[in-house]
Structures are given as structure tokens and as C-alpha cells.
Amino acid sequence: MDVPLPGGAIDISEDYSPAATVVRFDSPLPLLRAPVPSSAAGDEPPVLAFRDAASWRAAWEAAEASLFSQCEAGARSGCSIMATRKCKPPWWKGLFGGAPTDYQEREQCEEREMASCLESAKEACIKFSKEKCSAPFRDARIASEGLLEDTDFVVWGAAAGNNKTSSASFCVANRQHTPNPGAAATNYKGSDLLDSLAPEDK
């Protein structure tokens, strides 16, 4: 509440309006996996599983992209330091009254070294991100078809009815080549799905 002061002025030092007192938080991230029964018998603890093959793939691609981005950012810093050190004139050059440093030539040298370093780092980062994600996602569980259809379970926009991935062949594989885990199974491993795909789909 604003406090009136002598002379008609208003003291606004204590502002209790919603704009000043309400703290806004970021929206919670969608679930990555949901608990499902280990088997139809229900005699074992539940396991965490992706909703379907499309959400499993979306999470895998997002994890790889995040790891690659972080790796590339680190490599960019390292390459910048390496290029600066490699292209700077030797420390003894100024002791003998040599020619002044040609900064344009040095800049071109740094650009060449930076480009070469980033090209090498890109291949290394791709390999790194794939290796780090391959084993966890091959072992990850995927819910059997239809088990989570009537839930609000969303994985990064890969919900039912919106299972559009970057690979049309994978969508077809998801519908036609989903492993049959058996009547008593409620989930299967990502490696089972990969093994059921044709080599060109992998």
C-alpha cells in the first residue's frame, strides 16, 4: 500500500504489488520416462520406460545434440587459445630490433589454425556424443505398444499423435518392426528395437 506523505507525495519504497512480490518459475520439464510394471504378473518392482519408440528416439537425439554442443563449446575455447599461442611471434623477436608484428598476417594465421582445429574437434565431438549415448539408450526400456496411450505422458513433443521424427524410415519401423515382447511383457529394451530394424534403417 502506498503511504501518503506531507505535501501530497507518495512513498513507494515498499511495493507489495504482484509484479514486485510474485516470483515466476520456469515451467517444469516434461517427463523423460514413466514407471511401468516390469511384467504383467506385477510381482517385480516397476521400471522406468519411454512411452514408445518415437519418444525414445527423440530423447536419444536430444541427448546427443546436447553433448555435442557442450563438447564443441569447450573445443572452441581450447582452439582459440591454441591458435593464439601458435601464431604469436617468438618472444626473442623484439630483442634484436626486428620488424614490427604484422597483425593482419597474425590474424589470418589464427583463422587458419582455428578452422583446422575446429574441424578436427567436430569429428571428435560427434564420436564422443555417440559413444556416451549408445550404451544407455540401448539398455533403456520402452513401454509395450498401447500401454501408455491413455496418459498425458509427453517426452519433448513426442507424444502420441505427434510422433513426427526426422527420419520417416524410423516411423515406419516403429509401426511395422516393433519387437513383440510377448503377452507377459510390458516393455522391451532399445537394443531389441535396433536389432529388429533392417541395416539401412539403423
Foldseek 3Di string as FASTA:
>chain_A
DWDADPPRDTDCPDPPDCVPPPDDDDDDAADLWDWDAQWQVNPDGTDTAAAFPLSLVVVLVVQLVVQLVVQLVVQLVVQLVVLLVVLDDDPCCPVVPHDDDDVVVSVVSSVVSSVVSSVVSNVVSNVVSCVVRVVVQQAHKHFDPPPCLPDPRDRPQCHPPRSDDPDPLVVVLRPPQDDDPDPTGGIDGNNSSVVSDDPVSD
